[in-house]
Protein backbone atom coordinates (compact mmCIF):
# COMPACT_ATOMS: atom_id res chain seq x y z
CA MET A 1 102.09 83.99 75.08
CA THR A 2 100.39 86.25 77.38
CA ARG A 3 96.73 84.32 75.69
CA ALA A 4 97.37 81.41 76.63
CA GLU A 5 95.20 80.01 79.52
CA PRO A 6 96.88 77.76 82.38
CA SER A 7 95.42 74.49 82.88
CA LYS A 8 93.34 73.40 85.30
CA VAL A 9 93.00 69.92 87.18
CA ALA A 10 90.67 68.59 89.23
CA GLY A 11 88.60 71.43 89.60
CA LYS A 12 91.88 73.63 90.43
CA PHE A 13 93.82 76.24 88.10
CA GLU A 14 97.46 74.96 87.86
CA PRO A 15 100.33 77.85 88.83
CA VAL A 16 101.72 79.80 85.76
CA GLY A 17 104.67 80.59 85.13
CA ASP A 18 106.96 83.69 85.99
CA GLY A 19 106.79 84.41 82.20
CA TYR A 20 103.20 84.38 82.16
CA ARG A 21 103.17 86.61 85.28
CA TRP A 22 105.57 88.91 83.50
CA GLY A 23 104.10 89.28 80.56
CA GLN A 24 100.71 90.11 82.52
CA LEU A 25 102.87 92.98 84.16
CA VAL A 26 104.48 94.28 81.07
CA ILE A 27 101.15 94.81 79.25
CA GLY A 28 100.03 96.44 82.12
CA VAL A 29 103.36 98.97 81.95
CA ILE A 30 102.94 99.85 78.75
CA CYS A 31 99.21 100.81 78.72
CA MET A 32 100.51 102.74 81.45
CA VAL A 33 102.90 104.58 78.83
CA MET A 34 100.14 105.08 76.52
CA ILE A 35 97.93 107.36 79.01
CA ALA A 36 100.87 109.52 80.52
CA ASN A 37 100.81 111.77 78.03
CA LEU A 38 96.81 112.87 79.28
CA HIS A 39 97.96 113.63 82.71
CA TYR A 40 101.33 115.36 81.93
CA GLY A 41 101.27 116.47 78.39
CA TRP A 42 98.17 118.95 78.83
CA THR A 43 100.81 121.76 80.12
CA PHE A 44 102.35 121.54 76.79
CA PHE A 45 98.61 122.59 75.16
CA VAL A 46 97.96 125.30 77.21
CA PRO A 47 99.81 128.43 75.57
CA ASP A 48 98.62 127.53 72.30
CA ILE A 49 94.48 127.11 73.64
CA GLN A 50 95.03 130.48 75.00
CA LYS A 51 96.85 131.91 72.08
CA LYS A 52 94.10 130.67 69.33
CA PHE A 53 90.94 131.14 71.21
CA GLY A 54 91.88 133.94 74.01
CA PHE A 55 90.54 132.12 76.45
CA ASP A 56 91.33 133.36 79.88
CA ARG A 57 94.36 130.84 81.47
CA ALA A 58 92.42 129.90 84.91
CA ALA A 59 89.63 128.80 82.82
CA ILE A 60 91.47 126.61 80.41
CA GLN A 61 92.94 124.76 83.34
CA TRP A 62 89.61 123.72 84.63
CA ALA A 63 89.46 121.28 82.16
CA PHE A 64 92.42 119.98 83.90
CA THR A 65 90.86 120.26 87.19
CA LEU A 66 87.72 118.45 85.59
CA PHE A 67 90.36 115.60 83.87
CA VAL A 68 92.00 114.55 87.43
CA LEU A 69 88.73 114.73 89.67
CA PHE A 70 87.16 112.12 87.17
CA GLU A 71 90.26 110.31 86.63
CA THR A 72 90.75 109.58 90.36
CA TRP A 73 87.30 109.61 92.06
CA LEU A 74 85.78 107.46 89.70
CA VAL A 75 88.67 104.80 90.19
CA PRO A 76 86.59 102.67 92.75
CA VAL A 77 83.66 102.07 90.47
CA GLU A 78 85.84 101.40 88.25
CA GLY A 79 87.73 98.54 90.46
CA TRP A 80 84.28 96.98 91.33
CA PHE A 81 83.46 96.57 86.92
CA VAL A 82 87.10 94.95 86.94
CA ASP A 83 85.92 92.57 89.91
CA LYS A 84 82.90 91.66 87.69
CA TYR A 85 83.65 91.80 84.07
CA GLY A 86 87.22 91.38 83.86
CA PRO A 87 90.43 93.72 83.13
CA ARG A 88 89.50 93.07 79.33
CA VAL A 89 86.38 95.17 79.37
CA VAL A 90 87.39 97.97 81.52
CA VAL A 91 90.67 98.28 80.06
CA LEU A 92 89.39 98.36 76.65
CA PHE A 93 86.43 100.79 77.89
CA GLY A 94 89.42 102.92 79.02
CA GLY A 95 91.18 103.02 76.07
CA LEU A 96 88.26 104.29 73.49
CA LEU A 97 87.33 107.12 76.22
CA CYS A 98 90.83 108.01 76.20
CA GLY A 99 91.12 108.39 72.41
CA ILE A 100 87.92 110.03 72.24
CA GLY A 101 88.93 112.69 74.70
CA TRP A 102 91.91 114.23 72.93
CA VAL A 103 89.96 114.03 69.29
CA ILE A 104 86.97 115.90 70.62
CA ASN A 105 90.23 118.40 72.23
CA SER A 106 91.01 118.60 68.57
CA TYR A 107 87.62 119.55 67.16
CA ALA A 108 86.87 121.82 70.71
CA GLU A 109 86.44 125.70 69.80
CA THR A 110 84.99 126.31 73.11
CA LEU A 111 85.83 125.79 76.86
CA ASN A 112 82.73 123.65 76.82
CA MET A 113 83.89 121.55 74.52
CA PHE A 114 87.47 121.00 76.00
CA TYR A 115 85.71 120.18 79.41
CA LEU A 116 84.02 117.38 77.91
CA GLY A 117 87.11 115.91 76.34
CA GLN A 118 89.16 116.41 79.43
CA VAL A 119 86.05 114.59 81.26
CA VAL A 120 85.56 111.93 79.03
CA ALA A 121 90.14 111.43 78.50
CA GLY A 122 89.76 111.59 82.07
CA ILE A 123 87.09 108.89 82.76
CA GLY A 124 89.35 106.79 80.84
CA ALA A 125 92.40 107.21 81.81
CA GLY A 126 91.10 106.31 85.29
CA ALA A 127 89.78 103.26 84.19
CA VAL A 128 93.12 102.20 82.95
CA TYR A 129 95.77 103.07 85.35
CA GLY A 130 93.07 101.05 88.35
CA THR A 131 93.24 98.35 86.57
CA CYS A 132 97.12 98.05 85.98
CA VAL A 133 97.98 98.53 89.58
CA GLY A 134 95.18 96.31 90.38
CA SER A 135 96.47 93.76 87.83
CA ALA A 136 99.90 93.81 88.43
CA LEU A 137 98.66 93.48 92.95
CA LYS A 138 97.03 90.50 92.00
CA TRP A 139 99.54 88.57 89.40
CA PHE A 140 102.26 89.46 92.08
CA PRO A 141 101.21 89.05 95.54
CA ASP A 142 104.73 87.81 96.25
CA LYS A 143 106.01 90.87 95.21
CA ARG A 144 103.67 93.47 95.61
CA GLY A 145 105.69 96.53 95.78
CA LEU A 146 108.20 95.52 93.27
CA ALA A 147 104.88 95.11 90.91
CA ALA A 148 103.16 98.34 92.31
CA GLY A 149 106.54 100.00 91.90
CA ILE A 150 107.29 98.79 88.08
CA THR A 151 103.61 99.80 86.86
CA ALA A 152 103.55 103.10 88.57
CA ALA A 153 107.35 103.96 86.94
CA GLY A 154 105.49 103.38 83.43
CA PHE A 155 103.08 105.92 83.85
CA GLY A 156 106.14 108.62 84.90
CA ALA A 157 107.83 107.08 81.76
CA GLY A 158 105.16 107.54 79.35
CA SER A 159 105.65 111.34 80.01
CA ALA A 160 109.27 111.24 79.48
CA LEU A 161 109.43 109.61 76.41
CA THR A 162 107.40 111.61 74.62
CA VAL A 163 107.78 114.69 76.11
CA ALA A 164 109.96 115.75 72.29
CA PRO A 165 107.39 114.10 70.15
CA ILE A 166 104.49 116.20 71.70
CA GLN A 167 106.05 119.36 71.38
CA TRP A 168 107.74 118.73 67.99
CA MET A 169 104.19 118.20 66.39
CA ILE A 170 102.51 120.83 68.05
CA ALA A 171 105.59 122.99 66.62
CA GLU A 172 105.19 121.66 63.28
CA ASN A 173 101.50 120.64 62.95
CA GLY A 174 99.74 122.54 65.92
CA PHE A 175 98.07 121.46 69.08
CA GLN A 176 94.94 120.25 67.45
CA ALA A 177 96.66 117.94 65.61
CA ALA A 178 98.69 116.85 68.15
CA PHE A 179 95.90 116.32 69.85
CA PHE A 180 94.26 114.04 67.26
CA ASN A 181 97.71 111.73 66.24
CA PHE A 182 98.48 111.28 69.68
CA GLY A 183 95.10 110.33 70.98
CA ILE A 184 94.27 107.96 68.43
CA GLY A 185 97.47 106.24 68.37
CA GLN A 186 97.20 105.86 71.82
CA GLY A 187 93.74 104.89 72.18
CA LEU A 188 94.57 102.24 69.66
CA VAL A 189 97.41 100.73 71.71
CA VAL A 190 95.56 100.62 74.51
CA CYS A 191 92.43 98.97 73.21
CA ALA A 192 94.64 95.99 71.62
CA LEU A 193 96.38 95.51 74.48
CA ALA A 194 93.23 95.11 76.42
CA PHE A 195 92.67 91.89 74.64
CA PHE A 196 95.78 90.01 76.24
CA PHE A 197 94.87 91.02 80.03
CA THR A 198 93.90 88.38 81.89
CA SER A 199 93.07 88.17 86.13
CA PRO A 200 94.56 85.53 87.75
CA LYS A 201 92.27 82.42 89.48
CA LYS A 202 92.71 80.88 92.96
CA GLY A 203 95.84 78.91 92.52
CA GLN A 204 97.53 80.35 89.39
CA VAL A 205 99.85 82.48 91.06
CA PRO A 206 102.08 81.99 94.68
CA ASP A 207 100.32 82.98 98.22
CA ALA A 208 101.00 86.23 99.61
CA VAL A 209 104.15 86.85 101.58
CA ASN A 210 103.05 86.12 105.34
CA ASN A 211 105.65 88.35 107.50
CA ALA A 212 104.87 88.80 111.02
CA ASN A 213 107.22 92.25 111.15
CA ILE A 214 104.89 93.88 108.43
CA ILE A 215 101.68 94.75 109.55
CA GLN A 216 99.85 94.84 106.30
CA THR A 217 100.16 90.96 105.85
CA ARG A 218 98.77 89.40 109.03
CA ARG A 219 95.35 89.77 107.57
CA ASN A 220 93.17 90.68 105.03
CA TYR A 221 90.66 93.75 105.64
CA THR A 222 87.34 94.58 103.95
CA PRO A 223 87.10 98.07 102.55
CA GLY A 224 84.48 99.10 105.36
CA GLU A 225 87.24 98.16 108.04
CA VAL A 226 89.66 99.79 105.50
CA ALA A 227 87.85 103.17 105.77
CA ARG A 228 87.13 102.85 109.30
CA GLN A 229 91.18 102.61 110.31
CA PRO A 230 92.54 106.31 111.03
CA ILE A 231 95.72 105.28 109.39
CA PHE A 232 93.82 104.93 106.22
CA TRP A 233 92.16 108.48 106.11
CA LEU A 234 95.96 109.69 107.13
CA MET A 235 97.42 107.74 104.26
CA TYR A 236 94.70 109.45 101.82
CA PHE A 237 95.75 113.26 103.31
CA MET A 238 99.43 112.62 102.45
CA PHE A 239 98.43 111.31 98.81
CA VAL A 240 96.24 114.10 98.25
CA ILE A 241 98.55 117.27 99.38
CA VAL A 242 101.38 115.30 97.56
CA GLY A 243 99.52 114.82 94.26
CA ALA A 244 97.95 118.61 94.52
CA GLY A 245 101.32 119.84 94.87
CA GLY A 246 102.55 117.83 91.81
CA LEU A 247 99.81 118.49 89.77
CA MET A 248 99.69 122.51 90.24
CA ILE A 249 103.46 122.45 89.06
CA THR A 250 102.59 119.30 86.23
CA ALA A 251 99.71 121.54 84.63
CA ASN A 252 101.55 125.15 84.87
CA LEU A 253 105.09 124.42 83.78
CA LYS A 254 104.92 125.25 80.23
CA PRO A 255 102.94 128.57 80.82
CA ILE A 256 105.15 129.23 83.16
CA ALA A 257 108.30 128.76 81.28
CA ALA A 258 106.34 130.56 78.42
CA ASP A 259 105.72 133.80 80.92
CA ILE A 260 109.22 133.92 82.10
CA GLY A 261 111.02 133.38 78.78
CA VAL A 262 112.26 130.16 79.07
CA ASP A 263 110.62 127.61 77.12
CA LYS A 264 112.24 128.11 74.21
CA VAL A 265 116.20 127.39 75.57
CA PRO A 266 117.96 124.20 74.63
CA VAL A 267 118.45 121.90 78.00
CA THR A 268 120.99 119.22 77.85
CA ILE A 269 122.12 116.68 80.52
């Protein structure tokens, strides 16, 4: 359903049905679920990496720092590629790198190899993340908040759904097997779904909702104009401080739990 190209009449594309738009959103959500482990699952691997190789924990966590840096700071560049070449190419590229990154981690025996694996995975995760969020906003200009929220929720849901499987595989087969199997599996799913991504053309989606009470709907700003707005930098700073706090916790949660002896305590809801 999502691959069917909408028709074009008299040089203008006809509006697509809501089913097509929601199909594109679902594809993006599934891709977000697949890359969530690269971000939130790292903490489960740290104690076993330290135990096997004897690396300093702070040195191991530099791999996660590199992952986050390459995941986030390259998103504007990846967004440019989406606009130029379309979402399929970028998501396919991202899926390949996500898989390759964790496969590198599965064979790594030195810190530099873990650093390399995380850099590769970070570039891939950023390509997928940025494309999926951008796609949601493009397909739902009339429901931007809802579409972006659902897509972001997929990122959180992915980590919640795979906590138990990852920990089980680490316990039963070792962290290297978990890196390899989850890396290959998640990468293949993202690559397969990449072929179903499309970008809306003019006339295919409803116009953005214009509401005089909402400042951001009054006019569109160019990137240069946005960068000159103080409110942009305030929002950027807010994202940085909130993200930094959350990432510090998620990256170290498993090691902290192991240090205080509660990592094996069963939890029920």
